[in-house]
Every structure is written in structure tokens, then in C-alpha cells.
Amino acid sequence: GKLDFPSTERVSSCDDHHFQCLNCAHTVACEGLVAHLKCAEGEVISVDSANYGRHDKTTCASGRPDSQIQNVQCSSPTSKVADRCNGKSTCDVSVNNSEFGDPCVGTYKYLEVTYKCQPHTVACEGSLAHLKCAEGQIISVDSANYGRHDQTTCVSGRPYSQIQNVQCSRPTSKVADSCNGKNSCDINANNSEFGDPCFGTYKYLEVTYRCQHPV
């Protein structure tokens, strides 16, 4: 099976100058292993930073000769992790040169990722989307889309003709306009609210948002 690297940790803040992300998760996976990104139910991944390389002599150093860990100026920031993982609740990424290229030949590298877990809600057409933050926090909508982009969401009891169009997308600012600054917010997911971006397709409203303390 896949090799796990058990150093996924949640940190509320991090003094290390490489990671300025508050309330972020931080995972490290050594070259040849698999990085696991995971959020709780109802949350999705939003990658803050990802780097493949080496910037110290202690991480992923066990059993390695000094020649493989002495280059600590090896850095290769990558958008591949964000491209693959953003918007998912869990995500596995293979850590190797074929995936990320080799920024420093002969050095044993690792992938470091910091990411947030953002609240995420889906409401099928005809139902209500419910956005809610903890007491004392307010909603800040990052993205909202009414349409369909897979054949697995909101499909129960629907004929194939209503779920086959997965290129149906309508980004909308209406959710942000209605919900930003509130502690909780309900939005009707229907055509009268958002218009009909694909007639005959059964749609859903997908919202990703943050819960913030009022400034």
C-alpha cells in the first residue's frame, strides 16, 4: 500500500518564516512518499503554499548521507498541489521528481504544504443553502457557483438527461451580497434566484466561505 508520512499537523500559528498562514494545516511528505491533505466534513482544502525542495538539514534526513541533505537552498514553489486539491475535502499527492521536476539533482527533497480548511456548502436546486459561522464570527464568501460540474452531486432520483451536462457553470456574487458580514445566512438555490444557466439540467449551488472575526 501507500506509505504514510505521519507529520500532518494543525497549527493555529507558526513562527517559522516560511509559514505565515494562521489557522492553517501544515503537512510534510518526504520524496518517494505521498502527501495527505484532509479537512473535516463540510470543509474543503484551500492551499496557501506548496514547495518541493529542501531548506533545512533535519526534515526527511533519517538514514540519508550528508551529501543528500547539505543543500538547504533548494526551493521549487509549485501550483500543482493547489490545482489538484483546492475544493476537495481530501487529496493525496505523490512526492517525486516526475510530479514536480528536480530542482536540485542529488539532494533528497520533501514537499511542504500549508493549507486552510474552508467551510463549504452544497444545496440542490429547489432547496436551501445554509451558511453558518461560530458565535462572534461573520461570513466572508470566497466563491459561489450555480450549475453542475460532476455526475455525483445532487443526483438521487434524477434521470441521466438531467445530470449529463457537467459543463454548466454560473459564478454568482448574489451569495456574497446577501451573506457577507452576517453570522448565518440562508439562500434559495433555484432559477428565479440565479437564472437558468443550463435548461433541463438539475443544478446545485456550491459555496465556499470563511468565518472571520469582525474587524
N, C-alpha and C. Protein backbone atom coordinates (compact mmCIF):
# COMPACT_ATOMS: atom_id res chain seq x y z
N GLY A 1 0.82 -1.20 0.00
CA GLY A 1 0.00 0.00 0.00
C GLY A 1 0.85 1.25 0.00
N LYS A 2 0.18 2.39 0.07
CA LYS A 2 0.89 3.65 0.06
C LYS A 2 1.59 3.87 1.40
N LEU A 3 2.71 4.55 1.34
CA LEU A 3 3.44 4.86 2.57
C LEU A 3 2.91 6.16 3.14
N ASP A 4 2.54 6.12 4.40
CA ASP A 4 2.08 7.33 5.06
C ASP A 4 3.25 8.04 5.71
N PHE A 5 3.22 9.34 5.71
CA PHE A 5 4.20 10.11 6.46
C PHE A 5 3.44 10.85 7.55
N PRO A 6 3.61 10.42 8.80
CA PRO A 6 2.68 10.86 9.84
C PRO A 6 3.03 12.22 10.45
N SER A 7 3.22 13.22 9.62
CA SER A 7 3.55 14.50 10.22
C SER A 7 2.57 15.59 9.78
N THR A 8 1.32 15.20 9.55
CA THR A 8 0.31 16.21 9.28
C THR A 8 -0.11 16.80 10.61
N GLU A 9 -0.06 18.10 10.71
CA GLU A 9 -0.40 18.71 11.99
C GLU A 9 -1.16 20.00 11.74
N ARG A 10 -2.11 20.27 12.61
CA ARG A 10 -2.80 21.55 12.56
C ARG A 10 -2.05 22.53 13.45
N VAL A 11 -1.86 23.72 12.96
CA VAL A 11 -1.21 24.73 13.79
C VAL A 11 -2.06 25.99 13.78
N SER A 12 -2.21 26.60 14.92
CA SER A 12 -3.00 27.83 14.98
C SER A 12 -2.18 29.02 14.49
N SER A 13 -0.88 28.96 14.73
CA SER A 13 0.02 29.96 14.16
C SER A 13 1.40 29.35 14.13
N CYS A 14 2.26 29.92 13.32
CA CYS A 14 3.57 29.31 13.15
C CYS A 14 4.61 30.41 13.03
N ASP A 15 5.64 30.34 13.88
CA ASP A 15 6.66 31.39 13.88
C ASP A 15 7.64 31.24 12.72
N ASP A 16 7.75 30.02 12.19
CA ASP A 16 8.69 29.77 11.09
C ASP A 16 8.43 30.77 9.95
N HIS A 17 9.49 31.40 9.46
CA HIS A 17 9.31 32.45 8.46
C HIS A 17 8.76 31.92 7.14
N HIS A 18 8.78 30.60 6.97
CA HIS A 18 8.25 30.04 5.72
C HIS A 18 6.73 29.96 5.75
N PHE A 19 6.14 30.03 6.93
CA PHE A 19 4.70 29.81 7.03
C PHE A 19 4.04 30.94 7.80
N GLN A 20 3.37 31.81 7.08
CA GLN A 20 2.72 32.96 7.69
C GLN A 20 1.21 32.73 7.83
N CYS A 21 0.76 31.56 7.52
CA CYS A 21 -0.67 31.28 7.42
C CYS A 21 -1.25 30.93 8.79
N LEU A 22 -2.21 31.73 9.25
CA LEU A 22 -2.85 31.47 10.53
C LEU A 22 -3.98 30.45 10.35
N ASN A 23 -4.22 29.66 11.39
CA ASN A 23 -5.27 28.63 11.37
C ASN A 23 -5.12 27.69 10.17
N CYS A 24 -3.88 27.38 9.86
CA CYS A 24 -3.61 26.52 8.72
C CYS A 24 -3.21 25.12 9.18
N ALA A 25 -3.41 24.17 8.29
CA ALA A 25 -2.81 22.85 8.46
C ALA A 25 -1.47 22.86 7.72
N HIS A 26 -0.55 22.05 8.19
CA HIS A 26 0.80 22.02 7.63
C HIS A 26 1.18 20.55 7.48
N THR A 27 1.51 20.14 6.28
CA THR A 27 1.92 18.75 6.08
C THR A 27 3.25 18.69 5.34
N VAL A 28 4.05 17.70 5.71
CA VAL A 28 5.34 17.46 5.07
C VAL A 28 5.38 16.01 4.63
N ALA A 29 5.82 15.75 3.39
CA ALA A 29 5.98 14.38 2.92
C ALA A 29 7.33 14.27 2.20
N CYS A 30 8.11 13.25 2.59
CA CYS A 30 9.43 13.06 2.01
C CYS A 30 9.32 12.55 0.57
N GLU A 31 10.35 12.82 -0.21
CA GLU A 31 10.44 12.34 -1.59
C GLU A 31 10.21 10.83 -1.63
N GLY A 32 9.35 10.40 -2.55
CA GLY A 32 9.03 8.99 -2.69
C GLY A 32 7.79 8.57 -1.92
N LEU A 33 7.27 9.47 -1.08
CA LEU A 33 6.07 9.15 -0.30
C LEU A 33 4.87 9.91 -0.85
N VAL A 34 3.80 9.95 -0.08
CA VAL A 34 2.56 10.59 -0.52
C VAL A 34 2.15 11.63 0.52
N ALA A 35 1.84 12.84 0.06
CA ALA A 35 1.33 13.88 0.94
C ALA A 35 -0.18 13.73 1.05
N HIS A 36 -0.70 13.75 2.28
CA HIS A 36 -2.13 13.63 2.52
C HIS A 36 -2.67 14.97 3.04
N LEU A 37 -3.60 15.54 2.30
CA LEU A 37 -4.28 16.75 2.76
C LEU A 37 -5.70 16.35 3.12
N LYS A 38 -6.19 16.80 4.26
CA LYS A 38 -7.50 16.34 4.71
C LYS A 38 -8.20 17.43 5.51
N CYS A 39 -9.48 17.62 5.23
CA CYS A 39 -10.30 18.54 6.00
C CYS A 39 -11.47 17.78 6.62
N ALA A 40 -12.09 18.39 7.60
CA ALA A 40 -13.25 17.78 8.25
C ALA A 40 -14.45 17.81 7.30
N GLU A 41 -15.46 17.03 7.64
CA GLU A 41 -16.68 17.00 6.83
C GLU A 41 -17.27 18.41 6.76
N GLY A 42 -17.70 18.79 5.57
CA GLY A 42 -18.28 20.12 5.39
C GLY A 42 -17.25 21.21 5.14
N GLU A 43 -15.97 20.81 5.00
CA GLU A 43 -14.91 21.76 4.70
C GLU A 43 -14.12 21.29 3.48
N VAL A 44 -13.51 22.23 2.78
CA VAL A 44 -12.68 21.88 1.62
C VAL A 44 -11.32 22.56 1.71
N ILE A 45 -10.36 21.99 0.98
CA ILE A 45 -8.97 22.44 1.00
C ILE A 45 -8.81 23.74 0.21
N SER A 46 -8.02 24.64 0.77
CA SER A 46 -7.57 25.83 0.05
C SER A 46 -6.08 25.99 0.32
N VAL A 47 -5.26 25.64 -0.68
CA VAL A 47 -3.81 25.61 -0.49
C VAL A 47 -3.26 27.04 -0.39
N ASP A 48 -2.48 27.28 0.65
CA ASP A 48 -1.85 28.58 0.86
C ASP A 48 -0.48 28.62 0.20
N SER A 49 0.31 27.56 0.39
CA SER A 49 1.63 27.48 -0.24
C SER A 49 2.06 26.03 -0.36
N ALA A 50 2.88 25.75 -1.37
CA ALA A 50 3.43 24.40 -1.55
C ALA A 50 4.83 24.55 -2.14
N ASN A 51 5.78 23.82 -1.56
CA ASN A 51 7.16 23.91 -2.02
C ASN A 51 7.82 22.54 -2.02
N TYR A 52 8.49 22.22 -3.12
CA TYR A 52 9.22 20.96 -3.25
C TYR A 52 10.71 21.28 -3.27
N GLY A 53 11.44 20.77 -2.29
CA GLY A 53 12.87 21.05 -2.21
C GLY A 53 13.41 20.71 -0.83
N ARG A 54 14.32 21.53 -0.35
CA ARG A 54 14.90 21.35 1.00
C ARG A 54 15.41 22.69 1.51
N HIS A 55 15.03 23.02 2.75
CA HIS A 55 15.57 24.26 3.32
C HIS A 55 16.09 24.07 4.75
N ASP A 56 16.26 22.82 5.18
CA ASP A 56 16.99 22.56 6.43
C ASP A 56 17.62 21.16 6.36
N LYS A 57 18.44 20.83 7.36
CA LYS A 57 19.13 19.54 7.36
C LYS A 57 18.46 18.52 8.28
N THR A 58 17.29 18.86 8.83
CA THR A 58 16.65 17.97 9.81
C THR A 58 15.42 17.27 9.25
N THR A 59 14.69 17.93 8.35
CA THR A 59 13.47 17.34 7.80
C THR A 59 13.83 16.25 6.80
N CYS A 60 13.16 15.09 6.91
CA CYS A 60 13.38 13.99 5.97
C CYS A 60 14.88 13.68 5.81
N ALA A 61 15.57 13.59 6.94
CA ALA A 61 17.02 13.37 6.90
C ALA A 61 17.43 11.99 7.40
N SER A 62 16.50 11.25 7.99
CA SER A 62 16.84 9.97 8.62
C SER A 62 17.46 8.99 7.62
N GLY A 63 18.64 8.49 7.94
CA GLY A 63 19.30 7.48 7.11
C GLY A 63 19.90 8.01 5.83
N ARG A 64 19.90 9.33 5.65
CA ARG A 64 20.43 9.91 4.41
C ARG A 64 21.87 10.38 4.61
N PRO A 65 22.74 10.15 3.62
CA PRO A 65 24.11 10.66 3.72
C PRO A 65 24.11 12.19 3.67
N ASP A 66 25.13 12.80 4.25
CA ASP A 66 25.20 14.26 4.32
C ASP A 66 25.12 14.91 2.94
N SER A 67 25.67 14.23 1.94
CA SER A 67 25.67 14.80 0.59
C SER A 67 24.25 15.04 0.06
N GLN A 68 23.28 14.25 0.56
CA GLN A 68 21.90 14.37 0.08
C GLN A 68 21.09 15.41 0.85
N ILE A 69 21.62 15.90 1.97
CA ILE A 69 20.85 16.85 2.77
C ILE A 69 21.57 18.18 3.00
N GLN A 70 22.76 18.33 2.44
CA GLN A 70 23.53 19.55 2.74
C GLN A 70 23.05 20.78 1.98
N ASN A 71 22.42 20.59 0.81
CA ASN A 71 21.91 21.73 0.05
C ASN A 71 20.58 22.19 0.64
N VAL A 72 20.60 23.29 1.39
CA VAL A 72 19.37 23.78 2.03
C VAL A 72 18.86 25.05 1.34
N GLN A 73 19.36 25.29 0.14
CA GLN A 73 18.90 26.43 -0.67
C GLN A 73 18.10 25.93 -1.87
N CYS A 74 17.51 24.75 -1.72
CA CYS A 74 16.79 24.14 -2.84
C CYS A 74 15.30 24.39 -2.68
N SER A 75 14.74 25.19 -3.57
CA SER A 75 13.34 25.59 -3.44
C SER A 75 12.66 25.58 -4.79
N SER A 76 11.48 24.99 -4.83
CA SER A 76 10.70 24.98 -6.07
C SER A 76 9.22 25.12 -5.72
N PRO A 77 8.74 26.37 -5.56
CA PRO A 77 7.31 26.57 -5.28
C PRO A 77 6.49 25.98 -6.42
N THR A 78 5.35 25.40 -6.09
CA THR A 78 4.55 24.73 -7.11
C THR A 78 3.07 25.04 -6.94
N SER A 79 2.38 25.21 -8.07
CA SER A 79 0.93 25.42 -8.05
C SER A 79 0.18 24.11 -8.28
N LYS A 80 0.92 23.02 -8.51
CA LYS A 80 0.27 21.75 -8.84
C LYS A 80 -0.61 21.24 -7.70
N VAL A 81 -0.17 21.48 -6.45
CA VAL A 81 -0.96 20.98 -5.32
C VAL A 81 -2.29 21.72 -5.24
N ALA A 82 -2.25 23.04 -5.43
CA ALA A 82 -3.49 23.82 -5.43
C ALA A 82 -4.40 23.40 -6.58
N ASP A 83 -3.81 23.22 -7.76
CA ASP A 83 -4.60 22.82 -8.93
C ASP A 83 -5.31 21.50 -8.69
N ARG A 84 -4.64 20.59 -8.01
CA ARG A 84 -5.20 19.26 -7.81
C ARG A 84 -6.14 19.19 -6.60
N CYS A 85 -5.85 19.96 -5.56
CA CYS A 85 -6.52 19.74 -4.27
C CYS A 85 -7.56 20.78 -3.88
N ASN A 86 -7.43 22.00 -4.37
CA ASN A 86 -8.38 23.03 -3.95
C ASN A 86 -9.82 22.61 -4.24
N GLY A 87 -10.68 22.80 -3.25
CA GLY A 87 -12.10 22.47 -3.40
C GLY A 87 -12.45 21.05 -3.04
N LYS A 88 -11.45 20.21 -2.73
CA LYS A 88 -11.70 18.83 -2.31
C LYS A 88 -11.62 18.73 -0.79
N SER A 89 -12.28 17.71 -0.24
CA SER A 89 -12.20 17.53 1.21
C SER A 89 -10.97 16.71 1.61
N THR A 90 -10.52 15.82 0.72
CA THR A 90 -9.27 15.09 0.94
C THR A 90 -8.51 15.03 -0.38
N CYS A 91 -7.20 14.89 -0.29
CA CYS A 91 -6.39 14.89 -1.50
C CYS A 91 -5.04 14.24 -1.22
N ASP A 92 -4.61 13.34 -2.08
CA ASP A 92 -3.30 12.70 -1.98
C ASP A 92 -2.42 13.16 -3.14
N VAL A 93 -1.18 13.48 -2.84
CA VAL A 93 -0.25 13.94 -3.87
C VAL A 93 1.05 13.14 -3.76
N SER A 94 1.45 12.49 -4.85
CA SER A 94 2.72 11.76 -4.87
C SER A 94 3.87 12.75 -4.90
N VAL A 95 4.87 12.49 -4.06
CA VAL A 95 6.00 13.41 -3.93
C VAL A 95 7.21 12.81 -4.64
N ASN A 96 7.46 13.27 -5.86
CA ASN A 96 8.60 12.75 -6.62
C ASN A 96 8.98 13.73 -7.73
N ASN A 97 10.11 13.45 -8.37
CA ASN A 97 10.62 14.34 -9.41
C ASN A 97 9.76 14.33 -10.66
N SER A 98 9.12 13.19 -10.96
CA SER A 98 8.29 13.15 -12.16
C SER A 98 7.06 14.03 -11.98
N GLU A 99 6.64 14.23 -10.76
CA GLU A 99 5.49 15.09 -10.47
C GLU A 99 5.88 16.57 -10.48
N PHE A 100 7.03 16.89 -9.90
CA PHE A 100 7.39 18.29 -9.66
C PHE A 100 8.66 18.75 -10.37
N GLY A 101 9.33 17.83 -11.10
CA GLY A 101 10.63 18.17 -11.65
C GLY A 101 11.68 18.07 -10.56
N ASP A 102 12.95 18.20 -10.91
CA ASP A 102 14.02 18.06 -9.92
C ASP A 102 14.77 19.39 -9.77
N PRO A 103 14.46 20.14 -8.70
CA PRO A 103 15.09 21.46 -8.53
C PRO A 103 16.55 21.38 -8.07
N CYS A 104 16.99 20.20 -7.58
CA CYS A 104 18.38 20.07 -7.13
C CYS A 104 18.78 18.60 -7.18
N VAL A 105 19.41 18.22 -8.28
CA VAL A 105 19.80 16.82 -8.51
C VAL A 105 20.75 16.36 -7.41
N GLY A 106 20.48 15.17 -6.86
CA GLY A 106 21.34 14.60 -5.83
C GLY A 106 20.94 14.95 -4.41
N THR A 107 20.02 15.90 -4.26
CA THR A 107 19.51 16.26 -2.93
C THR A 107 18.21 15.52 -2.67
N TYR A 108 18.07 14.97 -1.45
CA TYR A 108 16.83 14.29 -1.06
C TYR A 108 15.85 15.36 -0.60
N LYS A 109 14.71 15.43 -1.27
CA LYS A 109 13.79 16.55 -1.10
C LYS A 109 12.53 16.15 -0.33
N TYR A 110 11.69 17.14 -0.11
CA TYR A 110 10.38 16.91 0.51
C TYR A 110 9.40 17.98 0.04
N LEU A 111 8.14 17.64 0.14
CA LEU A 111 7.07 18.58 -0.21
C LEU A 111 6.48 19.13 1.07
N GLU A 112 6.42 20.44 1.17
CA GLU A 112 5.81 21.11 2.31
C GLU A 112 4.59 21.87 1.83
N VAL A 113 3.47 21.66 2.48
CA VAL A 113 2.22 22.31 2.08
C VAL A 113 1.56 22.94 3.30
N THR A 114 1.14 24.18 3.17
CA THR A 114 0.24 24.77 4.16
C THR A 114 -1.09 25.03 3.47
N TYR A 115 -2.16 24.74 4.17
CA TYR A 115 -3.48 24.91 3.58
C TYR A 115 -4.52 25.21 4.66
N LYS A 116 -5.57 25.86 4.22
CA LYS A 116 -6.71 26.12 5.10
C LYS A 116 -7.81 25.12 4.78
N CYS A 117 -8.65 24.87 5.76
CA CYS A 117 -9.89 24.13 5.55
C CYS A 117 -11.03 25.13 5.64
N GLN A 118 -11.71 25.33 4.53
CA GLN A 118 -12.76 26.35 4.48
C GLN A 118 -14.14 25.71 4.49
N PRO A 119 -15.09 26.33 5.20
CA PRO A 119 -16.46 25.82 5.16
C PRO A 119 -16.98 25.78 3.73
N HIS A 120 -17.77 24.77 3.45
CA HIS A 120 -18.23 24.53 2.08
C HIS A 120 -19.63 23.95 2.17
N THR A 121 -20.55 24.52 1.43
CA THR A 121 -21.91 24.00 1.47
C THR A 121 -22.44 23.81 0.06
N VAL A 122 -23.23 22.76 -0.11
CA VAL A 122 -23.87 22.46 -1.39
C VAL A 122 -25.36 22.33 -1.16
N ALA A 123 -26.15 23.00 -1.99
CA ALA A 123 -27.61 22.90 -1.90
C ALA A 123 -28.16 22.54 -3.27
N CYS A 124 -28.91 21.45 -3.33
CA CYS A 124 -29.51 21.03 -4.60
C CYS A 124 -30.59 22.03 -5.02
N GLU A 125 -30.80 22.13 -6.33
CA GLU A 125 -31.83 23.02 -6.87
C GLU A 125 -33.17 22.77 -6.17
N GLY A 126 -33.79 23.84 -5.73
CA GLY A 126 -35.08 23.73 -5.04
C GLY A 126 -34.96 23.65 -3.53
N SER A 127 -33.72 23.58 -3.03
CA SER A 127 -33.54 23.53 -1.58
C SER A 127 -32.82 24.80 -1.10
N LEU A 128 -32.45 24.79 0.18
CA LEU A 128 -31.90 25.98 0.82
C LEU A 128 -30.43 25.75 1.17
N ALA A 129 -29.58 26.69 0.79
CA ALA A 129 -28.18 26.66 1.23
C ALA A 129 -28.09 27.38 2.58
N HIS A 130 -27.43 26.72 3.53
CA HIS A 130 -27.32 27.28 4.88
C HIS A 130 -25.86 27.55 5.21
N LEU A 131 -25.52 28.81 5.36
CA LEU A 131 -24.16 29.21 5.73
C LEU A 131 -24.18 29.64 7.19
N LYS A 132 -23.22 29.14 7.97
CA LYS A 132 -23.23 29.48 9.40
C LYS A 132 -21.81 29.52 9.95
N CYS A 133 -21.56 30.51 10.79
CA CYS A 133 -20.28 30.63 11.48
C CYS A 133 -20.50 30.50 12.98
N ALA A 134 -19.40 30.27 13.69
CA ALA A 134 -19.47 30.20 15.15
C ALA A 134 -19.88 31.57 15.70
N GLU A 135 -20.37 31.56 16.93
CA GLU A 135 -20.81 32.79 17.56
C GLU A 135 -19.66 33.80 17.60
N GLY A 136 -19.96 35.04 17.23
CA GLY A 136 -18.94 36.08 17.24
C GLY A 136 -18.16 36.20 15.94
N GLN A 137 -18.45 35.31 14.97
CA GLN A 137 -17.77 35.37 13.68
C GLN A 137 -18.76 35.69 12.57
N ILE A 138 -18.23 36.22 11.45
CA ILE A 138 -19.10 36.58 10.33
C ILE A 138 -18.62 35.92 9.04
N ILE A 139 -19.57 35.76 8.13
CA ILE A 139 -19.34 35.08 6.85
C ILE A 139 -18.59 35.99 5.88
N SER A 140 -17.63 35.39 5.17
CA SER A 140 -16.98 36.05 4.03
C SER A 140 -16.93 35.04 2.89
N VAL A 141 -17.76 35.23 1.88
CA VAL A 141 -17.88 34.27 0.78
C VAL A 141 -16.68 34.38 -0.16
N ASP A 142 -16.04 33.24 -0.42
CA ASP A 142 -14.92 33.19 -1.37
C ASP A 142 -15.39 32.90 -2.79
N SER A 143 -16.30 31.94 -2.92
CA SER A 143 -16.80 31.60 -4.25
C SER A 143 -18.20 31.02 -4.14
N ALA A 144 -18.99 31.26 -5.17
CA ALA A 144 -20.33 30.69 -5.24
C ALA A 144 -20.65 30.40 -6.70
N ASN A 145 -21.15 29.21 -6.96
CA ASN A 145 -21.45 28.82 -8.33
C ASN A 145 -22.75 28.03 -8.39
N TYR A 146 -23.60 28.39 -9.34
CA TYR A 146 -24.86 27.68 -9.54
C TYR A 146 -24.78 26.96 -10.88
N GLY A 147 -24.87 25.63 -10.86
CA GLY A 147 -24.77 24.86 -12.09
C GLY A 147 -24.52 23.40 -11.80
N ARG A 148 -23.69 22.76 -12.62
CA ARG A 148 -23.33 21.35 -12.40
C ARG A 148 -21.97 21.09 -13.04
N HIS A 149 -21.05 20.47 -12.27
CA HIS A 149 -19.76 20.12 -12.86
C HIS A 149 -19.33 18.70 -12.54
N ASP A 150 -20.27 17.86 -12.05
CA ASP A 150 -19.98 16.42 -11.94
C ASP A 150 -21.30 15.64 -12.02
N GLN A 151 -21.18 14.31 -12.06
CA GLN A 151 -22.37 13.46 -12.13
C GLN A 151 -22.60 12.72 -10.83
N THR A 152 -22.08 13.26 -9.73
CA THR A 152 -22.24 12.61 -8.42
C THR A 152 -22.99 13.47 -7.41
N THR A 153 -22.96 14.79 -7.58
CA THR A 153 -23.61 15.70 -6.64
C THR A 153 -25.07 15.90 -7.02
N CYS A 154 -25.97 15.79 -6.05
CA CYS A 154 -27.40 16.06 -6.27
C CYS A 154 -27.95 15.26 -7.44
N VAL A 155 -27.80 13.94 -7.37
CA VAL A 155 -28.24 13.08 -8.48
C VAL A 155 -29.35 12.11 -8.08
N SER A 156 -29.66 12.01 -6.80
CA SER A 156 -30.61 11.00 -6.33
C SER A 156 -31.97 11.13 -7.02
N GLY A 157 -32.38 10.04 -7.67
CA GLY A 157 -33.69 10.00 -8.32
C GLY A 157 -33.79 10.80 -9.60
N ARG A 158 -32.68 11.29 -10.10
CA ARG A 158 -32.70 12.11 -11.31
C ARG A 158 -32.37 11.28 -12.55
N PRO A 159 -33.11 11.46 -13.66
CA PRO A 159 -32.76 10.75 -14.90
C PRO A 159 -31.43 11.27 -15.44
N TYR A 160 -30.77 10.43 -16.22
CA TYR A 160 -29.44 10.77 -16.74
C TYR A 160 -29.46 12.07 -17.53
N SER A 161 -30.54 12.32 -18.25
CA SER A 161 -30.62 13.53 -19.08
C SER A 161 -30.48 14.81 -18.25
N GLN A 162 -30.84 14.73 -16.97
CA GLN A 162 -30.78 15.93 -16.11
C GLN A 162 -29.41 16.13 -15.45
N ILE A 163 -28.54 15.11 -15.54
CA ILE A 163 -27.24 15.23 -14.87
C ILE A 163 -26.05 15.06 -15.82
N GLN A 164 -26.33 14.88 -17.13
CA GLN A 164 -25.23 14.58 -18.05
C GLN A 164 -24.39 15.82 -18.40
N ASN A 165 -24.99 17.01 -18.34
CA ASN A 165 -24.24 18.23 -18.67
C ASN A 165 -23.43 18.67 -17.45
N VAL A 166 -22.10 18.46 -17.53
CA VAL A 166 -21.24 18.83 -16.40
C VAL A 166 -20.38 20.06 -16.75
N GLN A 167 -20.77 20.76 -17.82
CA GLN A 167 -20.08 21.99 -18.21
C GLN A 167 -20.96 23.20 -17.93
N CYS A 168 -21.83 23.06 -16.95
CA CYS A 168 -22.80 24.11 -16.64
C CYS A 168 -22.33 24.91 -15.44
N SER A 169 -22.01 26.17 -15.66
CA SER A 169 -21.42 26.96 -14.59
C SER A 169 -21.95 28.39 -14.63
N ARG A 170 -22.35 28.89 -13.48
CA ARG A 170 -22.70 30.30 -13.37
C ARG A 170 -22.18 30.85 -12.05
N PRO A 171 -20.97 31.41 -12.07
CA PRO A 171 -20.47 32.08 -10.86
C PRO A 171 -21.41 33.22 -10.50
N THR A 172 -21.63 33.42 -9.22
CA THR A 172 -22.58 34.44 -8.80
C THR A 172 -22.07 35.23 -7.61
N SER A 173 -22.33 36.53 -7.62
CA SER A 173 -21.97 37.39 -6.49
C SER A 173 -23.14 37.57 -5.54
N LYS A 174 -24.29 36.99 -5.88
CA LYS A 174 -25.50 37.20 -5.07
C LYS A 174 -25.36 36.65 -3.66
N VAL A 175 -24.62 35.53 -3.53
CA VAL A 175 -24.47 34.94 -2.20
C VAL A 175 -23.63 35.86 -1.32
N ALA A 176 -22.54 36.37 -1.88
CA ALA A 176 -21.70 37.32 -1.13
C ALA A 176 -22.49 38.57 -0.77
N ASP A 177 -23.26 39.08 -1.74
CA ASP A 177 -24.05 40.30 -1.49
C ASP A 177 -25.05 40.09 -0.36
N SER A 178 -25.63 38.89 -0.29
CA SER A 178 -26.66 38.61 0.71
C SER A 178 -26.08 38.20 2.06
N CYS A 179 -24.92 37.51 2.06
CA CYS A 179 -24.45 36.83 3.27
C CYS A 179 -23.23 37.46 3.94
N ASN A 180 -22.39 38.15 3.20
CA ASN A 180 -21.18 38.70 3.81
C ASN A 180 -21.52 39.59 5.00
N GLY A 181 -20.79 39.40 6.09
CA GLY A 181 -20.99 40.22 7.28
C GLY A 181 -22.02 39.68 8.25
N LYS A 182 -22.73 38.61 7.85
CA LYS A 182 -23.73 38.00 8.73
C LYS A 182 -23.13 36.80 9.45
N ASN A 183 -23.73 36.43 10.57
CA ASN A 183 -23.30 35.25 11.30
C ASN A 183 -23.84 33.98 10.65
N SER A 184 -25.06 34.04 10.13
CA SER A 184 -25.65 32.90 9.41
C SER A 184 -26.51 33.45 8.29
N CYS A 185 -26.78 32.60 7.30
CA CYS A 185 -27.45 33.09 6.10
C CYS A 185 -28.06 31.92 5.34
N ASP A 186 -29.29 32.08 4.88
CA ASP A 186 -29.95 31.07 4.05
C ASP A 186 -30.21 31.64 2.66
N ILE A 187 -29.94 30.83 1.65
CA ILE A 187 -30.12 31.25 0.25
C ILE A 187 -30.90 30.17 -0.50
N ASN A 188 -31.93 30.57 -1.23
CA ASN A 188 -32.67 29.62 -2.06
C ASN A 188 -31.85 29.28 -3.30
N ALA A 189 -31.66 27.98 -3.53
CA ALA A 189 -30.94 27.53 -4.72
C ALA A 189 -31.97 27.22 -5.81
N ASN A 190 -32.29 28.22 -6.61
CA ASN A 190 -33.27 27.99 -7.68
C ASN A 190 -33.04 28.96 -8.83
N ASN A 191 -33.76 28.71 -9.94
CA ASN A 191 -33.56 29.51 -11.15
C ASN A 191 -34.06 30.94 -10.99
N SER A 192 -35.09 31.15 -10.17
CA SER A 192 -35.59 32.51 -10.01
C SER A 192 -34.57 33.37 -9.27
N GLU A 193 -33.74 32.74 -8.45
CA GLU A 193 -32.70 33.46 -7.71
C GLU A 193 -31.48 33.72 -8.59
N PHE A 194 -31.09 32.72 -9.39
CA PHE A 194 -29.81 32.80 -10.10
C PHE A 194 -29.93 32.76 -11.62
N GLY A 195 -31.14 32.62 -12.15
CA GLY A 195 -31.28 32.41 -13.58
C GLY A 195 -30.99 30.95 -13.90
N ASP A 196 -31.21 30.54 -15.15
CA ASP A 196 -31.01 29.14 -15.53
C ASP A 196 -29.85 29.02 -16.52
N PRO A 197 -28.67 28.62 -16.03
CA PRO A 197 -27.50 28.55 -16.92
C PRO A 197 -27.52 27.36 -17.87
N CYS A 198 -28.38 26.37 -17.60
CA CYS A 198 -28.46 25.20 -18.49
C CYS A 198 -29.84 24.56 -18.34
N PHE A 199 -30.72 24.92 -19.25
CA PHE A 199 -32.11 24.46 -19.21
C PHE A 199 -32.17 22.94 -19.29
N GLY A 200 -32.95 22.32 -18.42
CA GLY A 200 -33.13 20.86 -18.45
C GLY A 200 -32.14 20.11 -17.59
N THR A 201 -31.11 20.79 -17.09
CA THR A 201 -30.13 20.16 -16.19
C THR A 201 -30.51 20.46 -14.74
N TYR A 202 -30.43 19.44 -13.89
CA TYR A 202 -30.69 19.63 -12.46
C TYR A 202 -29.42 20.16 -11.82
N LYS A 203 -29.53 21.34 -11.24
CA LYS A 203 -28.35 22.08 -10.80
C LYS A 203 -28.20 22.07 -9.28
N TYR A 204 -27.11 22.69 -8.82
CA TYR A 204 -26.90 22.88 -7.38
C TYR A 204 -26.08 24.14 -7.17
N LEU A 205 -26.22 24.69 -5.97
CA LEU A 205 -25.45 25.86 -5.57
C LEU A 205 -24.31 25.40 -4.67
N GLU A 206 -23.11 25.79 -5.02
CA GLU A 206 -21.92 25.41 -4.26
C GLU A 206 -21.26 26.69 -3.74
N VAL A 207 -21.05 26.74 -2.43
CA VAL A 207 -20.50 27.95 -1.82
C VAL A 207 -19.31 27.59 -0.93
N THR A 208 -18.20 28.28 -1.13
CA THR A 208 -17.05 28.18 -0.23
C THR A 208 -16.88 29.52 0.46
N TYR A 209 -16.72 29.48 1.78
CA TYR A 209 -16.66 30.74 2.53
C TYR A 209 -15.74 30.61 3.73
N ARG A 210 -15.39 31.75 4.30
CA ARG A 210 -14.58 31.80 5.52
C ARG A 210 -15.41 32.37 6.65
N CYS A 211 -15.05 32.00 7.86
CA CYS A 211 -15.64 32.61 9.05
C CYS A 211 -14.58 33.49 9.69
N GLN A 212 -14.88 34.76 9.81
CA GLN A 212 -13.89 35.72 10.29
C GLN A 212 -14.41 36.46 11.51
N HIS A 213 -13.48 36.95 12.31
CA HIS A 213 -13.86 37.86 13.39
C HIS A 213 -14.04 39.25 12.79
N PRO A 214 -15.09 39.95 13.19
CA PRO A 214 -15.29 41.31 12.66
C PRO A 214 -14.08 42.19 12.95
N VAL A 215 -13.69 42.98 11.97
CA VAL A 215 -12.53 43.86 12.14
C VAL A 215 -12.92 45.07 12.97
